[in-house]
């Protein structure tokens, strides 16, 4: 491989590494967003269940 070929190979390798790092960073952002959404969903679900339980107990007592 001549010097131009080696330079091209290095540049291509660096571009692939940079692309992989950007993909990993994007996946971390996606994972964080999904995690946050799931936590909010679970919190809302818990609030609904607590509200339902309170209403059920109240209706039984009344």
N, C-alpha and C. Protein backbone atom coordinates (compact mmCIF):
# COMPACT_ATOMS: atom_id res chain seq x y z
N UNK A 1 0.86 -1.17 0.00
CA UNK A 1 0.00 0.00 0.00
C UNK A 1 0.91 1.23 0.00
N UNK A 2 0.63 2.15 -0.88
CA UNK A 2 1.44 3.36 -0.94
C UNK A 2 0.96 4.37 0.11
N UNK A 3 1.64 5.50 0.17
CA UNK A 3 1.33 6.51 1.19
C UNK A 3 -0.10 7.03 1.06
N UNK A 4 -0.56 7.25 -0.16
CA UNK A 4 -1.95 7.71 -0.35
C UNK A 4 -2.95 6.67 0.14
N UNK A 5 -2.65 5.41 -0.10
CA UNK A 5 -3.52 4.34 0.36
C UNK A 5 -3.57 4.27 1.88
N UNK A 6 -2.40 4.42 2.53
CA UNK A 6 -2.35 4.40 4.00
C UNK A 6 -3.11 5.60 4.58
N UNK A 7 -2.93 6.77 3.96
CA UNK A 7 -3.62 7.97 4.42
C UNK A 7 -5.14 7.78 4.30
N UNK A 8 -5.55 7.26 3.16
CA UNK A 8 -6.98 7.01 2.95
C UNK A 8 -7.50 6.01 3.98
N UNK A 9 -6.72 4.98 4.25
CA UNK A 9 -7.13 3.97 5.24
C UNK A 9 -7.26 4.60 6.63
N UNK A 10 -6.29 5.43 7.02
CA UNK A 10 -6.35 6.10 8.33
C UNK A 10 -7.57 7.01 8.42
N UNK A 11 -7.79 7.79 7.37
CA UNK A 11 -8.93 8.71 7.37
C UNK A 11 -10.25 7.94 7.45
N UNK A 12 -10.34 6.88 6.69
CA UNK A 12 -11.55 6.06 6.70
C UNK A 12 -11.77 5.44 8.07
N UNK A 13 -10.69 4.94 8.66
CA UNK A 13 -10.78 4.34 10.00
C UNK A 13 -11.23 5.38 11.01
N UNK A 14 -10.65 6.58 10.96
CA UNK A 14 -11.05 7.64 11.89
C UNK A 14 -12.51 8.03 11.69
N UNK A 15 -12.96 8.08 10.46
CA UNK A 15 -14.36 8.40 10.20
C UNK A 15 -15.28 7.32 10.77
N UNK A 16 -14.89 6.07 10.64
CA UNK A 16 -15.70 4.97 11.18
C UNK A 16 -15.74 5.04 12.71
N UNK A 17 -14.61 5.34 13.32
CA UNK A 17 -14.57 5.46 14.78
C UNK A 17 -15.45 6.63 15.23
N UNK A 18 -15.32 7.76 14.54
CA UNK A 18 -16.13 8.93 14.89
C UNK A 18 -17.62 8.62 14.73
N UNK A 19 -17.98 7.94 13.66
CA UNK A 19 -19.38 7.58 13.44
C UNK A 19 -19.87 6.64 14.54
N UNK A 20 -19.03 5.70 14.94
CA UNK A 20 -19.42 4.77 16.01
C UNK A 20 -19.63 5.51 17.32
N UNK A 21 -18.76 6.47 17.62
CA UNK A 21 -18.90 7.25 18.85
C UNK A 21 -20.18 8.10 18.82
N UNK A 22 -20.47 8.69 17.67
CA UNK A 22 -21.70 9.47 17.55
C UNK A 22 -22.93 8.58 17.69
N UNK A 23 -22.89 7.40 17.11
CA UNK A 23 -24.00 6.45 17.25
C UNK A 23 -24.19 6.07 18.71
N UNK A 24 -23.08 5.81 19.41
CA UNK A 24 -23.17 5.43 20.82
C UNK A 24 -23.76 6.57 21.64
N UNK A 25 -23.33 7.80 21.36
CA UNK A 25 -23.86 8.95 22.08
C UNK A 25 -25.35 9.12 21.81
N UNK A 26 -25.75 8.94 20.56
CA UNK A 26 -27.17 9.05 20.21
C UNK A 26 -27.98 7.97 20.91
N UNK A 27 -27.44 6.76 20.97
CA UNK A 27 -28.15 5.66 21.63
C UNK A 27 -28.29 5.94 23.12
N UNK A 28 -27.25 6.55 23.74
CA UNK A 28 -27.35 6.92 25.15
C UNK A 28 -28.47 7.93 25.36
N UNK A 29 -28.57 8.90 24.44
CA UNK A 29 -29.64 9.90 24.54
C UNK A 29 -31.01 9.25 24.38
N UNK A 30 -31.13 8.34 23.44
CA UNK A 30 -32.39 7.64 23.22
C UNK A 30 -32.74 6.81 24.45
N UNK A 31 -31.75 6.09 24.98
CA UNK A 31 -31.99 5.27 26.17
C UNK A 31 -32.41 6.13 27.35
N UNK A 32 -31.78 7.28 27.52
CA UNK A 32 -32.14 8.18 28.61
C UNK A 32 -33.56 8.71 28.43
N UNK A 33 -33.92 9.05 27.21
CA UNK A 33 -35.27 9.55 26.94
C UNK A 33 -36.32 8.47 27.19
N UNK A 34 -36.05 7.26 26.76
CA UNK A 34 -36.98 6.15 26.98
C UNK A 34 -37.10 5.86 28.47
N UNK A 35 -35.98 5.86 29.16
CA UNK A 35 -35.98 5.61 30.60
C UNK A 35 -36.82 6.66 31.31
N UNK A 36 -36.64 7.92 30.95
CA UNK A 36 -37.42 9.00 31.55
C UNK A 36 -38.91 8.84 31.28
N UNK A 37 -39.25 8.47 30.06
CA UNK A 37 -40.65 8.27 29.70
C UNK A 37 -41.26 7.12 30.49
N UNK A 38 -40.52 6.04 30.64
CA UNK A 38 -41.02 4.89 31.40
C UNK A 38 -41.22 5.26 32.87
N UNK A 39 -40.29 6.02 33.43
CA UNK A 39 -40.44 6.44 34.82
C UNK A 39 -41.68 7.32 35.00
N UNK A 40 -41.92 8.24 34.07
CA UNK A 40 -43.12 9.09 34.14
C UNK A 40 -44.38 8.24 34.02
N UNK A 41 -44.36 7.28 33.10
CA UNK A 41 -45.51 6.40 32.91
C UNK A 41 -45.78 5.60 34.18
N UNK A 42 -44.72 5.06 34.78
CA UNK A 42 -44.88 4.26 36.00
C UNK A 42 -45.40 5.12 37.13
N UNK A 43 -44.92 6.36 37.21
CA UNK A 43 -45.40 7.26 38.25
C UNK A 43 -46.89 7.55 38.07
N UNK A 44 -47.30 7.83 36.83
CA UNK A 44 -48.72 8.10 36.57
C UNK A 44 -49.57 6.87 36.86
N UNK A 45 -49.06 5.70 36.49
CA UNK A 45 -49.79 4.47 36.75
C UNK A 45 -49.94 4.26 38.25
N UNK A 46 -48.87 4.50 39.00
CA UNK A 46 -48.93 4.37 40.45
C UNK A 46 -49.92 5.34 41.07
N UNK A 47 -49.96 6.57 40.54
CA UNK A 47 -50.92 7.56 41.05
C UNK A 47 -52.35 7.13 40.76
N UNK A 48 -52.58 6.57 39.58
CA UNK A 48 -53.93 6.10 39.23
C UNK A 48 -54.35 4.95 40.14
N UNK A 49 -53.41 4.02 40.37
CA UNK A 49 -53.73 2.87 41.23
C UNK A 49 -54.01 3.34 42.65
N UNK A 50 -53.22 4.30 43.14
CA UNK A 50 -53.44 4.82 44.49
C UNK A 50 -54.79 5.52 44.57
N UNK A 51 -55.12 6.27 43.53
CA UNK A 51 -56.41 6.97 43.50
C UNK A 51 -57.55 5.96 43.45
N UNK A 52 -57.40 4.92 42.62
CA UNK A 52 -58.42 3.88 42.51
C UNK A 52 -58.58 3.17 43.84
N UNK A 53 -57.47 2.84 44.50
CA UNK A 53 -57.53 2.14 45.78
C UNK A 53 -58.23 2.99 46.83
N UNK A 54 -57.92 4.28 46.87
CA UNK A 54 -58.57 5.17 47.83
C UNK A 54 -60.06 5.26 47.57
N UNK A 55 -60.44 5.38 46.30
CA UNK A 55 -61.86 5.47 45.95
C UNK A 55 -62.57 4.17 46.30
N UNK A 56 -61.93 3.04 46.07
CA UNK A 56 -62.52 1.74 46.37
C UNK A 56 -62.74 1.59 47.87
N UNK A 57 -61.72 1.92 48.65
CA UNK A 57 -61.83 1.82 50.11
C UNK A 57 -62.92 2.76 50.61
N UNK A 58 -62.95 3.97 50.08
CA UNK A 58 -63.94 4.95 50.50
C UNK A 58 -65.35 4.46 50.18
N UNK A 59 -65.54 3.87 49.00
CA UNK A 59 -66.88 3.38 48.65
C UNK A 59 -67.30 2.21 49.52
N UNK A 60 -66.35 1.40 49.94
CA UNK A 60 -66.67 0.26 50.82
C UNK A 60 -67.06 0.76 52.20
N UNK A 61 -66.34 1.77 52.68
CA UNK A 61 -66.61 2.32 54.01
C UNK A 61 -67.96 3.03 54.03
N UNK A 62 -68.25 3.76 52.96
CA UNK A 62 -69.51 4.52 52.91
C UNK A 62 -70.62 3.56 52.69
